[in-house]
């Protein structure tokens, strides 16, 4: 007897045509990750040397990250003055800031040394020091104060403007109310000259000059020109009394969320920004003076800087009495600029 084994009838498999399958799967595809926006604030205009540097930072970071990060620039003090923005970095309300070192000493006292008058001989000297061991040591110190130092960048040598009289000697400046940064080194130097230093945030400066709240101010050519300060000041003295570095800082809250590879992108992008900023400062240091003359400013360029240097020398004790002379001696004895 033959036994017939019956197999269960199998229902035919359900097949989608390739085109229909693609449509079906598309509905379940994960959306592409959105780019992370990095907000970068500063107090100068969107035509300034800071903005030039941020453009280079943005282009480099977006290229290196293949669009993983994008940059939103907030110029002209839209996020507040420099001190307020640095505070924002510490609590994570701002991602990154380009700032002068003026208010930085309030957070990282070791950086005050950079604001001593007549410390650097020229641009080559200053850039060499900041790009070398001293600059790296200071960046490391910044990292101990709930901030991340990405790269040293630049404002340039600071000069005095006012609306009262030509300044050729320290005596000419006596009695003037001059806006300074919120920096005790700068204020001490001006006090030694008999000037009345008036600290205020940069976004307040133009109106203060316009209304006569202060007689003058001091800033690099790049800031005087792109900040339109020539509209409310008619006299410029090329005193070059302080080299003004700048720095790109990041929030530690942002930084701690990055991988090592991403941190490398940020560092490289910040360096590209610093190079672009320095290039613009170098150009404006010469071309900008001629442009300010063309805009009607009287420029005093035949200045015996040794008189100013002698006048402000006692202000060094404000730094050395508090912090010692080690960092100062390292800068003065460096091979840079020799």
C-alpha atoms as a PDB file:
ATOM      1  CA  UNK A   1       0.000   0.000   0.000  1.00  0.00           C
ATOM      2  CA  UNK A   2       1.413   3.281  -1.018  1.00  0.00           C
ATOM      3  CA  UNK A   3       1.185   6.134   1.407  1.00  0.00           C
ATOM      4  CA  UNK A   4       0.884   9.550  -0.079  1.00  0.00           C
ATOM      5  CA  UNK A   5       2.488  12.289   1.939  1.00  0.00           C
ATOM      6  CA  UNK A   6       0.659  15.505   1.570  1.00  0.00           C
ATOM      7  CA  UNK A   7       2.513  18.772   2.158  1.00  0.00           C
ATOM      8  CA  UNK A   8       0.773  21.759   3.551  1.00  0.00           C
ATOM      9  CA  UNK A   9      -0.118  24.175   0.863  1.00  0.00           C
ATOM     10  CA  UNK A  10       2.155  27.217   1.096  1.00  0.00           C
ATOM     11  CA  UNK A  11       0.734  30.554   0.233  1.00  0.00           C
ATOM     12  CA  UNK A  12       2.735  32.354  -2.405  1.00  0.00           C
ATOM     13  CA  UNK A  13       5.183  34.962  -1.083  1.00  0.00           C
ATOM     14  CA  UNK A  14       4.083  38.517  -1.469  1.00  0.00           C
ATOM     15  CA  UNK A  15       6.485  40.484  -3.652  1.00  0.00           C
ATOM     16  CA  UNK A  16       6.546  44.184  -4.288  1.00  0.00           C
ATOM     17  CA  UNK A  17       7.767  45.459  -7.553  1.00  0.00           C
ATOM     18  CA  UNK A  18      11.121  47.240  -7.082  1.00  0.00           C
ATOM     19  CA  UNK A  19       9.627  50.660  -7.652  1.00  0.00           C
ATOM     20  CA  UNK A  20       6.882  50.035  -5.086  1.00  0.00           C
ATOM     21  CA  UNK A  21       9.402  48.616  -2.611  1.00  0.00           C
ATOM     22  CA  UNK A  22      11.484  51.772  -2.810  1.00  0.00           C
ATOM     23  CA  UNK A  23       8.427  53.878  -2.096  1.00  0.00           C
ATOM     24  CA  UNK A  24       7.461  51.677   0.865  1.00  0.00           C
ATOM     25  CA  UNK A  25      10.939  51.792   2.378  1.00  0.00           C
ATOM     26  CA  UNK A  26      11.213  55.531   1.896  1.00  0.00           C
ATOM     27  CA  UNK A  27       8.433  55.997   4.373  1.00  0.00           C
ATOM     28  CA  UNK A  28      10.528  54.278   7.039  1.00  0.00           C
ATOM     29  CA  UNK A  29      13.880  55.949   6.203  1.00  0.00           C
ATOM     30  CA  UNK A  30      15.461  57.918   9.034  1.00  0.00           C
ATOM     31  CA  UNK A  31      15.690  61.650   8.340  1.00  0.00           C
ATOM     32  CA  UNK A  32      19.157  63.080   7.722  1.00  0.00           C
ATOM     33  CA  UNK A  33      20.686  64.610  10.839  1.00  0.00           C
ATOM     34  CA  UNK A  34      20.254  68.361  10.958  1.00  0.00           C
ATOM     35  CA  UNK A  35      23.393  70.486  11.058  1.00  0.00           C
ATOM     36  CA  UNK A  36      24.328  71.825  14.487  1.00  0.00           C
ATOM     37  CA  UNK A  37      24.367  75.623  14.469  1.00  0.00           C
ATOM     38  CA  UNK A  38      27.246  77.298  16.285  1.00  0.00           C
ATOM     39  CA  UNK A  39      26.467  80.865  17.379  1.00  0.00           C
ATOM     40  CA  UNK A  40      29.519  83.150  17.403  1.00  0.00           C
ATOM     41  CA  UNK A  41      29.203  86.619  18.927  1.00  0.00           C
ATOM     42  CA  UNK A  42      31.394  89.718  18.813  1.00  0.00           C
ATOM     43  CA  UNK A  43      31.016  93.469  19.370  1.00  0.00           C
ATOM     44  CA  UNK A  44      32.401  94.863  16.102  1.00  0.00           C
ATOM     45  CA  UNK A  45      30.528  95.404  12.837  1.00  0.00           C
ATOM     46  CA  UNK A  46      29.887  92.807  10.167  1.00  0.00           C
ATOM     47  CA  UNK A  47      32.510  94.521   7.995  1.00  0.00           C
ATOM     48  CA  UNK A  48      35.218  94.336  10.661  1.00  0.00           C
ATOM     49  CA  UNK A  49      38.366  92.254  11.006  1.00  0.00           C
ATOM     50  CA  UNK A  50      36.511  90.037  13.503  1.00  0.00           C
ATOM     51  CA  UNK A  51      33.829  89.354  10.920  1.00  0.00           C
ATOM     52  CA  UNK A  52      36.482  88.614   8.312  1.00  0.00           C
ATOM     53  CA  UNK A  53      37.925  85.999  10.647  1.00  0.00           C
ATOM     54  CA  UNK A  54      34.539  84.480  11.429  1.00  0.00           C
ATOM     55  CA  UNK A  55      33.854  84.123   7.702  1.00  0.00           C
ATOM     56  CA  UNK A  56      37.055  82.061   7.410  1.00  0.00           C
ATOM     57  CA  UNK A  57      36.167  80.083  10.551  1.00  0.00           C
ATOM     58  CA  UNK A  58      32.716  79.331   9.145  1.00  0.00           C
ATOM     59  CA  UNK A  59      33.977  78.244   5.728  1.00  0.00           C
ATOM     60  CA  UNK A  60      36.660  75.994   7.216  1.00  0.00           C
ATOM     61  CA  UNK A  61      34.456  74.369   9.874  1.00  0.00           C
ATOM     62  CA  UNK A  62      31.604  73.693   7.471  1.00  0.00           C
ATOM     63  CA  UNK A  63      34.006  72.165   4.936  1.00  0.00           C
ATOM     64  CA  UNK A  64      35.877  70.004   7.457  1.00  0.00           C
ATOM     65  CA  UNK A  65      32.642  68.757   9.026  1.00  0.00           C
ATOM     66  CA  UNK A  66      30.960  68.200   5.653  1.00  0.00           C
ATOM     67  CA  UNK A  67      28.038  70.322   6.809  1.00  0.00           C
ATOM     68  CA  UNK A  68      27.720  68.716  10.234  1.00  0.00           C
ATOM     69  CA  UNK A  69      28.209  72.192  11.737  1.00  0.00           C
ATOM     70  CA  UNK A  70      27.092  75.572  10.480  1.00  0.00           C
ATOM     71  CA  UNK A  71      27.964  78.988  11.906  1.00  0.00           C
ATOM     72  CA  UNK A  72      25.616  81.823  12.842  1.00  0.00           C
ATOM     73  CA  UNK A  73      27.502  85.113  13.310  1.00  0.00           C
ATOM     74  CA  UNK A  74      26.058  87.668  15.737  1.00  0.00           C
ATOM     75  CA  UNK A  75      28.001  90.952  15.266  1.00  0.00           C
ATOM     76  CA  UNK A  76      27.740  94.488  16.675  1.00  0.00           C
ATOM     77  CA  UNK A  77      27.093  93.465  20.267  1.00  0.00           C
ATOM     78  CA  UNK A  78      23.834  91.703  19.436  1.00  0.00           C
ATOM     79  CA  UNK A  79      24.574  89.276  22.287  1.00  0.00           C
ATOM     80  CA  UNK A  80      25.911  91.948  24.639  1.00  0.00           C
ATOM     81  CA  UNK A  81      29.272  93.449  25.517  1.00  0.00           C
ATOM     82  CA  UNK A  82      32.425  91.374  25.652  1.00  0.00           C
ATOM     83  CA  UNK A  83      32.309  90.714  29.384  1.00  0.00           C
ATOM     84  CA  UNK A  84      28.656  89.647  29.196  1.00  0.00           C
ATOM     85  CA  UNK A  85      29.384  87.314  26.287  1.00  0.00           C
ATOM     86  CA  UNK A  86      32.280  85.655  28.133  1.00  0.00           C
ATOM     87  CA  UNK A  87      29.904  85.030  31.025  1.00  0.00           C
ATOM     88  CA  UNK A  88      27.477  83.539  28.498  1.00  0.00           C
ATOM     89  CA  UNK A  89      30.162  81.084  27.401  1.00  0.00           C
ATOM     90  CA  UNK A  90      30.654  79.881  30.949  1.00  0.00           C
ATOM     91  CA  UNK A  91      26.978  79.036  31.412  1.00  0.00           C
ATOM     92  CA  UNK A  92      26.488  77.764  27.864  1.00  0.00           C
ATOM     93  CA  UNK A  93      24.073  80.366  26.478  1.00  0.00           C
ATOM     94  CA  UNK A  94      26.612  81.270  23.761  1.00  0.00           C
ATOM     95  CA  UNK A  95      28.722  78.776  21.811  1.00  0.00           C
ATOM     96  CA  UNK A  96      31.723  80.891  20.833  1.00  0.00           C
ATOM     97  CA  UNK A  97      32.977  84.467  21.054  1.00  0.00           C
ATOM     98  CA  UNK A  98      35.683  86.545  19.459  1.00  0.00           C
ATOM     99  CA  UNK A  99      36.765  89.123  22.019  1.00  0.00           C
ATOM    100  CA  UNK A 100      39.594  91.452  22.877  1.00  0.00           C
ATOM    101  CA  UNK A 101      41.645  90.489  25.889  1.00  0.00           C
ATOM    102  CA  UNK A 102      40.470  93.651  27.649  1.00  0.00           C
ATOM    103  CA  UNK A 103      37.791  92.009  29.816  1.00  0.00           C
ATOM    104  CA  UNK A 104      39.395  88.559  29.764  1.00  0.00           C
ATOM    105  CA  UNK A 105      41.665  89.378  32.697  1.00  0.00           C
ATOM    106  CA  UNK A 106      38.579  89.626  34.897  1.00  0.00           C
ATOM    107  CA  UNK A 107      38.138  85.884  34.323  1.00  0.00           C
ATOM    108  CA  UNK A 108      41.740  84.747  33.746  1.00  0.00           C
ATOM    109  CA  UNK A 109      44.097  87.146  35.593  1.00  0.00           C
ATOM    110  CA  UNK A 110      47.192  85.622  33.988  1.00  0.00           C
ATOM    111  CA  UNK A 111      46.212  87.213  30.658  1.00  0.00           C
ATOM    112  CA  UNK A 112      46.538  90.726  32.088  1.00  0.00           C
ATOM    113  CA  UNK A 113      50.209  90.631  31.111  1.00  0.00           C
ATOM    114  CA  UNK A 114      49.259  90.992  27.442  1.00  0.00           C
ATOM    115  CA  UNK A 115      47.670  94.380  28.129  1.00  0.00           C
ATOM    116  CA  UNK A 116      50.757  96.052  29.570  1.00  0.00           C
ATOM    117  CA  UNK A 117      51.697  99.162  27.558  1.00  0.00           C
ATOM    118  CA  UNK A 118      54.642  99.075  25.165  1.00  0.00           C
ATOM    119  CA  UNK A 119      55.232  95.379  25.869  1.00  0.00           C
ATOM    120  CA  UNK A 120      55.583  94.266  22.250  1.00  0.00           C
ATOM    121  CA  UNK A 121      57.978  95.844  19.761  1.00  0.00           C
ATOM    122  CA  UNK A 122      55.926  95.237  16.635  1.00  0.00           C
ATOM    123  CA  UNK A 123      53.427  92.869  15.029  1.00  0.00           C
ATOM    124  CA  UNK A 124      56.003  90.180  14.315  1.00  0.00           C
ATOM    125  CA  UNK A 125      57.070  90.172  17.970  1.00  0.00           C
ATOM    126  CA  UNK A 126      53.497  89.948  19.293  1.00  0.00           C
ATOM    127  CA  UNK A 127      52.386  87.233  16.886  1.00  0.00           C
ATOM    128  CA  UNK A 128      55.499  85.159  17.514  1.00  0.00           C
ATOM    129  CA  UNK A 129      54.970  85.260  21.296  1.00  0.00           C
ATOM    130  CA  UNK A 130      51.283  84.350  21.076  1.00  0.00           C
ATOM    131  CA  UNK A 131      51.880  81.541  18.580  1.00  0.00           C
ATOM    132  CA  UNK A 132      54.649  80.098  20.734  1.00  0.00           C
ATOM    133  CA  UNK A 133      55.093  78.589  24.176  1.00  0.00           C
ATOM    134  CA  UNK A 134      53.885  81.656  26.092  1.00  0.00           C
ATOM    135  CA  UNK A 135      50.679  81.820  24.080  1.00  0.00           C
ATOM    136  CA  UNK A 136      50.006  78.114  24.588  1.00  0.00           C
ATOM    137  CA  UNK A 137      50.620  78.376  28.327  1.00  0.00           C
ATOM    138  CA  UNK A 138      48.077  81.180  28.534  1.00  0.00           C
ATOM    139  CA  UNK A 139      45.546  79.144  26.537  1.00  0.00           C
ATOM    140  CA  UNK A 140      46.043  76.347  29.051  1.00  0.00           C
ATOM    141  CA  UNK A 141      45.380  78.797  31.904  1.00  0.00           C
ATOM    142  CA  UNK A 142      42.178  79.904  30.199  1.00  0.00           C
ATOM    143  CA  UNK A 143      41.075  76.255  30.199  1.00  0.00           C
ATOM    144  CA  UNK A 144      41.213  76.285  34.001  1.00  0.00           C
ATOM    145  CA  UNK A 145      38.500  78.963  34.221  1.00  0.00           C
ATOM    146  CA  UNK A 146      35.445  77.383  32.550  1.00  0.00           C
ATOM    147  CA  UNK A 147      36.483  78.672  29.125  1.00  0.00           C
ATOM    148  CA  UNK A 148      38.093  77.092  26.069  1.00  0.00           C
ATOM    149  CA  UNK A 149      40.736  79.086  24.206  1.00  0.00           C
ATOM    150  CA  UNK A 150      40.702  78.096  20.528  1.00  0.00           C
ATOM    151  CA  UNK A 151      43.192  80.533  18.962  1.00  0.00           C
ATOM    152  CA  UNK A 152      44.860  83.881  19.491  1.00  0.00           C
ATOM    153  CA  UNK A 153      43.750  86.424  16.957  1.00  0.00           C
ATOM    154  CA  UNK A 154      44.173  90.184  16.827  1.00  0.00           C
ATOM    155  CA  UNK A 155      42.955  93.758  17.079  1.00  0.00           C
ATOM    156  CA  UNK A 156      46.284  95.485  16.576  1.00  0.00           C
ATOM    157  CA  UNK A 157      48.184  98.333  18.187  1.00  0.00           C
ATOM    158  CA  UNK A 158      45.910 100.798  19.928  1.00  0.00           C
ATOM    159  CA  UNK A 159      45.933 104.524  19.151  1.00  0.00           C
ATOM    160  CA  UNK A 160      44.194 107.508  20.751  1.00  0.00           C
ATOM    161  CA  UNK A 161      41.445 109.630  19.215  1.00  0.00           C
ATOM    162  CA  UNK A 162      39.641 112.608  20.672  1.00  0.00           C
ATOM    163  CA  UNK A 163      37.523 115.600  19.718  1.00  0.00           C
ATOM    164  CA  UNK A 164      39.375 118.266  21.727  1.00  0.00           C
ATOM    165  CA  UNK A 165      43.017 118.654  20.652  1.00  0.00           C
ATOM    166  CA  UNK A 166      45.983 117.027  18.949  1.00  0.00           C
ATOM    167  CA  UNK A 167      47.894 114.653  21.221  1.00  0.00           C
ATOM    168  CA  UNK A 168      51.636 114.684  20.591  1.00  0.00           C
ATOM    169  CA  UNK A 169      52.892 114.194  24.159  1.00  0.00           C
ATOM    170  CA  UNK A 170      51.469 112.682  27.355  1.00  0.00           C
ATOM    171  CA  UNK A 171      50.859 116.228  28.645  1.00  0.00           C
ATOM    172  CA  UNK A 172      48.490 116.867  25.732  1.00  0.00           C
ATOM    173  CA  UNK A 173      46.267 114.034  26.947  1.00  0.00           C
ATOM    174  CA  UNK A 174      46.017 115.220  30.536  1.00  0.00           C
ATOM    175  CA  UNK A 175      42.497 115.924  31.743  1.00  0.00           C
ATOM    176  CA  UNK A 176      40.757 114.202  28.844  1.00  0.00           C
ATOM    177  CA  UNK A 177      38.006 111.674  29.504  1.00  0.00           C
ATOM    178  CA  UNK A 178      39.032 108.660  27.455  1.00  0.00           C
ATOM    179  CA  UNK A 179      36.931 105.536  27.104  1.00  0.00           C
ATOM    180  CA  UNK A 180      38.932 102.426  27.904  1.00  0.00           C
ATOM    181  CA  UNK A 181      38.129  98.762  28.076  1.00  0.00           C
ATOM    182  CA  UNK A 182      37.127  97.249  31.399  1.00  0.00           C
ATOM    183  CA  UNK A 183      40.757  96.376  32.121  1.00  0.00           C
ATOM    184  CA  UNK A 184      42.711  97.487  35.153  1.00  0.00           C
ATOM    185  CA  UNK A 185      46.051  97.480  33.286  1.00  0.00           C
ATOM    186  CA  UNK A 186      44.773  99.961  30.714  1.00  0.00           C
ATOM    187  CA  UNK A 187      43.129 102.133  33.336  1.00  0.00           C
ATOM    188  CA  UNK A 188      46.301 102.236  35.431  1.00  0.00           C
ATOM    189  CA  UNK A 189      48.374 103.324  32.417  1.00  0.00           C
ATOM    190  CA  UNK A 190      46.012 106.182  31.568  1.00  0.00           C
ATOM    191  CA  UNK A 191      45.880 107.298  35.161  1.00  0.00           C
ATOM    192  CA  UNK A 192      49.663 107.644  35.082  1.00  0.00           C
ATOM    193  CA  UNK A 193      49.301 109.990  32.091  1.00  0.00           C
ATOM    194  CA  UNK A 194      46.766 112.154  33.900  1.00  0.00           C
ATOM    195  CA  UNK A 195      43.921 110.946  31.709  1.00  0.00           C
ATOM    196  CA  UNK A 196      40.508 110.154  33.199  1.00  0.00           C
ATOM    197  CA  UNK A 197      39.892 106.563  32.041  1.00  0.00           C
ATOM    198  CA  UNK A 198      36.208 105.803  31.575  1.00  0.00           C
ATOM    199  CA  UNK A 199      35.529 102.083  31.123  1.00  0.00           C
ATOM    200  CA  UNK A 200      32.457 101.081  29.132  1.00  0.00           C
ATOM    201  CA  UNK A 201      31.361  98.295  26.828  1.00  0.00           C
ATOM    202  CA  UNK A 202      32.167  98.883  23.171  1.00  0.00           C
ATOM    203  CA  UNK A 203      28.512  98.894  21.971  1.00  0.00           C
ATOM    204  CA  UNK A 204      27.971 101.996  24.144  1.00  0.00           C
ATOM    205  CA  UNK A 205      30.989 103.891  22.794  1.00  0.00           C
ATOM    206  CA  UNK A 206      29.677 105.530  19.626  1.00  0.00           C
ATOM    207  CA  UNK A 207      26.735 107.147  21.419  1.00  0.00           C
ATOM    208  CA  UNK A 208      28.968 108.252  24.309  1.00  0.00           C
ATOM    209  CA  UNK A 209      31.309 110.000  21.861  1.00  0.00           C
ATOM    210  CA  UNK A 210      28.399 111.491  19.953  1.00  0.00           C
ATOM    211  CA  UNK A 211      26.873 112.930  23.122  1.00  0.00           C
ATOM    212  CA  UNK A 212      30.181 114.106  24.590  1.00  0.00           C
ATOM    213  CA  UNK A 213      30.005 111.763  27.569  1.00  0.00           C
ATOM    214  CA  UNK A 214      33.690 111.068  26.872  1.00  0.00           C
ATOM    215  CA  UNK A 215      36.195 113.172  24.920  1.00  0.00           C
ATOM    216  CA  UNK A 216      37.892 110.313  23.172  1.00  0.00           C
ATOM    217  CA  UNK A 217      38.793 106.653  23.056  1.00  0.00           C
ATOM    218  CA  UNK A 218      41.647 104.343  22.116  1.00  0.00           C
ATOM    219  CA  UNK A 219      41.495 101.478  19.649  1.00  0.00           C
ATOM    220  CA  UNK A 220      43.362  99.937  16.717  1.00  0.00           C
ATOM    221  CA  UNK A 221      42.947 101.432  13.244  1.00  0.00           C
ATOM    222  CA  UNK A 222      40.807  98.447  12.229  1.00  0.00           C
ATOM    223  CA  UNK A 223      38.234  99.257  14.926  1.00  0.00           C
ATOM    224  CA  UNK A 224      38.338 103.029  14.428  1.00  0.00           C
ATOM    225  CA  UNK A 225      37.641 102.572  10.732  1.00  0.00           C
ATOM    226  CA  UNK A 226      35.078  99.765  10.650  1.00  0.00           C
ATOM    227  CA  UNK A 227      33.329 101.112  13.761  1.00  0.00           C
ATOM    228  CA  UNK A 228      32.808 104.454  11.989  1.00  0.00           C
ATOM    229  CA  UNK A 229      34.384 106.266  14.938  1.00  0.00           C
ATOM    230  CA  UNK A 230      35.715 108.863  12.510  1.00  0.00           C
ATOM    231  CA  UNK A 231      32.146 110.173  12.309  1.00  0.00           C
ATOM    232  CA  UNK A 232      32.316 111.348  15.951  1.00  0.00           C
ATOM    233  CA  UNK A 233      36.083 111.908  16.391  1.00  0.00           C
ATOM    234  CA  UNK A 234      38.233 114.234  14.321  1.00  0.00           C
ATOM    235  CA  UNK A 235      41.748 113.734  15.760  1.00  0.00           C
ATOM    236  CA  UNK A 236      43.866 110.583  15.680  1.00  0.00           C
ATOM    237  CA  UNK A 237      47.259 110.190  17.355  1.00  0.00           C
ATOM    238  CA  UNK A 238      49.293 107.125  16.376  1.00  0.00           C
ATOM    239  CA  UNK A 239      50.551 106.399  19.874  1.00  0.00           C
ATOM    240  CA  UNK A 240      50.616 102.606  19.501  1.00  0.00           C
ATOM    241  CA  UNK A 241      50.603 102.450  23.291  1.00  0.00           C
ATOM    242  CA  UNK A 242      49.254  98.900  23.678  1.00  0.00           C
ATOM    243  CA  UNK A 243      49.198  95.873  21.412  1.00  0.00           C
ATOM    244  CA  UNK A 244      45.688  94.471  21.616  1.00  0.00           C
ATOM    245  CA  UNK A 245      45.373  90.741  21.045  1.00  0.00           C
ATOM    246  CA  UNK A 246      42.037  89.088  20.552  1.00  0.00           C
ATOM    247  CA  UNK A 247      41.008  85.517  21.131  1.00  0.00           C
ATOM    248  CA  UNK A 248      38.400  83.069  19.963  1.00  0.00           C
ATOM    249  CA  UNK A 249      36.796  81.346  22.940  1.00  0.00           C
ATOM    250  CA  UNK A 250      34.350  78.455  23.073  1.00  0.00           C
ATOM    251  CA  UNK A 251      31.919  77.359  25.742  1.00  0.00           C
ATOM    252  CA  UNK A 252      33.116  74.353  27.755  1.00  0.00           C
ATOM    253  CA  UNK A 253      29.568  73.017  27.545  1.00  0.00           C
ATOM    254  CA  UNK A 254      29.824  72.933  23.738  1.00  0.00           C
ATOM    255  CA  UNK A 255      33.382  71.609  23.866  1.00  0.00           C
ATOM    256  CA  UNK A 256      32.671  68.733  26.211  1.00  0.00           C
ATOM    257  CA  UNK A 257      30.024  67.467  23.806  1.00  0.00           C
ATOM    258  CA  UNK A 258      32.450  67.192  20.886  1.00  0.00           C
ATOM    259  CA  UNK A 259      34.455  64.167  19.813  1.00  0.00           C
ATOM    260  CA  UNK A 260      38.234  64.448  19.449  1.00  0.00           C
ATOM    261  CA  UNK A 261      37.824  64.642  15.672  1.00  0.00           C
ATOM    262  CA  UNK A 262      35.289  67.455  15.971  1.00  0.00           C
ATOM    263  CA  UNK A 263      37.530  69.351  18.369  1.00  0.00           C
ATOM    264  CA  UNK A 264      40.263  69.133  15.747  1.00  0.00           C
ATOM    265  CA  UNK A 265      37.929  70.715  13.192  1.00  0.00           C
ATOM    266  CA  UNK A 266      37.170  73.605  15.538  1.00  0.00           C
ATOM    267  CA  UNK A 267      40.844  74.224  16.291  1.00  0.00           C
ATOM    268  CA  UNK A 268      41.775  74.213  12.614  1.00  0.00           C
ATOM    269  CA  UNK A 269      38.875  76.501  11.737  1.00  0.00           C
ATOM    270  CA  UNK A 270      39.792  78.923  14.543  1.00  0.00           C
ATOM    271  CA  UNK A 271      43.367  79.107  13.259  1.00  0.00           C
ATOM    272  CA  UNK A 272      42.097  79.868   9.752  1.00  0.00           C
ATOM    273  CA  UNK A 273      39.990  82.648  11.262  1.00  0.00           C
ATOM    274  CA  UNK A 274      42.982  84.081  13.124  1.00  0.00           C
ATOM    275  CA  UNK A 275      45.078  84.169   9.962  1.00  0.00           C
ATOM    276  CA  UNK A 276      42.336  85.971   8.036  1.00  0.00           C
ATOM    277  CA  UNK A 277      41.884  88.493  10.850  1.00  0.00           C
ATOM    278  CA  UNK A 278      45.593  89.246  11.093  1.00  0.00           C
ATOM    279  CA  UNK A 279      45.817  89.722   7.337  1.00  0.00           C
ATOM    280  CA  UNK A 280      43.054  92.340   7.435  1.00  0.00           C
ATOM    281  CA  UNK A 281      44.620  94.110  10.435  1.00  0.00           C
ATOM    282  CA  UNK A 282      47.964  94.317   8.607  1.00  0.00           C
ATOM    283  CA  UNK A 283      46.299  95.798   5.554  1.00  0.00           C
ATOM    284  CA  UNK A 284      44.271  98.352   7.503  1.00  0.00           C
ATOM    285  CA  UNK A 285      47.240  99.437   9.615  1.00  0.00           C
ATOM    286  CA  UNK A 286      48.585 101.226   6.545  1.00  0.00           C
ATOM    287  CA  UNK A 287      45.666 101.653   4.154  1.00  0.00           C
ATOM    288  CA  UNK A 288      43.280 102.515   6.989  1.00  0.00           C
ATOM    289  CA  UNK A 289      45.245 105.565   8.127  1.00  0.00           C
ATOM    290  CA  UNK A 290      45.070 107.035   4.644  1.00  0.00           C
ATOM    291  CA  UNK A 291      41.359 106.269   4.480  1.00  0.00           C
ATOM    292  CA  UNK A 292      40.760 108.010   7.822  1.00  0.00           C
ATOM    293  CA  UNK A 293      42.626 111.054   6.538  1.00  0.00           C
ATOM    294  CA  UNK A 294      40.416 111.046   3.462  1.00  0.00           C
ATOM    295  CA  UNK A 295      37.376 110.959   5.736  1.00  0.00           C
ATOM    296  CA  UNK A 296      38.534 114.157   7.433  1.00  0.00           C
ATOM    297  CA  UNK A 297      40.518 113.023  10.476  1.00  0.00           C
ATOM    298  CA  UNK A 298      43.624 114.946  11.479  1.00  0.00           C
ATOM    299  CA  UNK A 299      46.369 112.358  12.008  1.00  0.00           C
ATOM    300  CA  UNK A 300      49.342 113.014  14.270  1.00  0.00           C
ATOM    301  CA  UNK A 301      52.002 110.499  13.296  1.00  0.00           C
ATOM    302  CA  UNK A 302      55.258 112.218  14.373  1.00  0.00           C
ATOM    303  CA  UNK A 303      55.142 111.042  17.987  1.00  0.00           C
ATOM    304  CA  UNK A 304      58.024 110.378  20.367  1.00  0.00           C
ATOM    305  CA  UNK A 305      56.712 107.166  21.892  1.00  0.00           C
ATOM    306  CA  UNK A 306      59.507 107.116  24.475  1.00  0.00           C
ATOM    307  CA  UNK A 307      57.743 109.963  26.303  1.00  0.00           C
ATOM    308  CA  UNK A 308      54.550 107.927  26.544  1.00  0.00           C
ATOM    309  CA  UNK A 309      56.499 104.832  27.551  1.00  0.00           C
ATOM    310  CA  UNK A 310      58.188 106.695  30.394  1.00  0.00           C
ATOM    311  CA  UNK A 311      54.871 108.149  31.537  1.00  0.00           C
ATOM    312  CA  UNK A 312      53.119 104.788  31.847  1.00  0.00           C
ATOM    313  CA  UNK A 313      56.039 102.690  33.145  1.00  0.00           C
ATOM    314  CA  UNK A 314      54.882 102.933  36.802  1.00  0.00           C
ATOM    315  CA  UNK A 315      51.644 101.161  35.852  1.00  0.00           C
ATOM    316  CA  UNK A 316      53.592  97.906  35.440  1.00  0.00           C
ATOM    317  CA  UNK A 317      53.624  97.575  39.226  1.00  0.00           C
ATOM    318  CA  UNK A 318      49.853  97.074  39.193  1.00  0.00           C
ATOM    319  CA  UNK A 319      50.548  93.779  37.412  1.00  0.00           C
ATOM    320  CA  UNK A 320      53.845  92.693  38.994  1.00  0.00           C
ATOM    321  CA  UNK A 321      52.782  93.432  42.582  1.00  0.00           C
ATOM    322  CA  UNK A 322      49.819  91.115  42.152  1.00  0.00           C
ATOM    323  CA  UNK A 323      51.080  88.427  39.784  1.00  0.00           C
ATOM    324  CA  UNK A 324      54.868  88.633  39.839  1.00  0.00           C
ATOM    325  CA  UNK A 325      57.170  89.207  36.877  1.00  0.00           C
ATOM    326  CA  UNK A 326      57.698  85.648  35.573  1.00  0.00           C
ATOM    327  CA  UNK A 327      55.412  85.876  32.524  1.00  0.00           C
ATOM    328  CA  UNK A 328      56.522  89.440  31.825  1.00  0.00           C
ATOM    329  CA  UNK A 329      60.184  88.382  31.913  1.00  0.00           C
ATOM    330  CA  UNK A 330      59.464  85.438  29.586  1.00  0.00           C
ATOM    331  CA  UNK A 331      57.942  87.767  26.993  1.00  0.00           C
ATOM    332  CA  UNK A 332      60.731  90.310  27.268  1.00  0.00           C
ATOM    333  CA  UNK A 333      63.470  87.692  27.014  1.00  0.00           C
ATOM    334  CA  UNK A 334      61.904  85.687  24.179  1.00  0.00           C
ATOM    335  CA  UNK A 335      63.748  85.258  20.891  1.00  0.00           C
ATOM    336  CA  UNK A 336      60.726  86.694  19.086  1.00  0.00           C
ATOM    337  CA  UNK A 337      61.319  90.044  17.443  1.00  0.00           C
ATOM    338  CA  UNK A 338      65.023  90.022  18.255  1.00  0.00           C
END
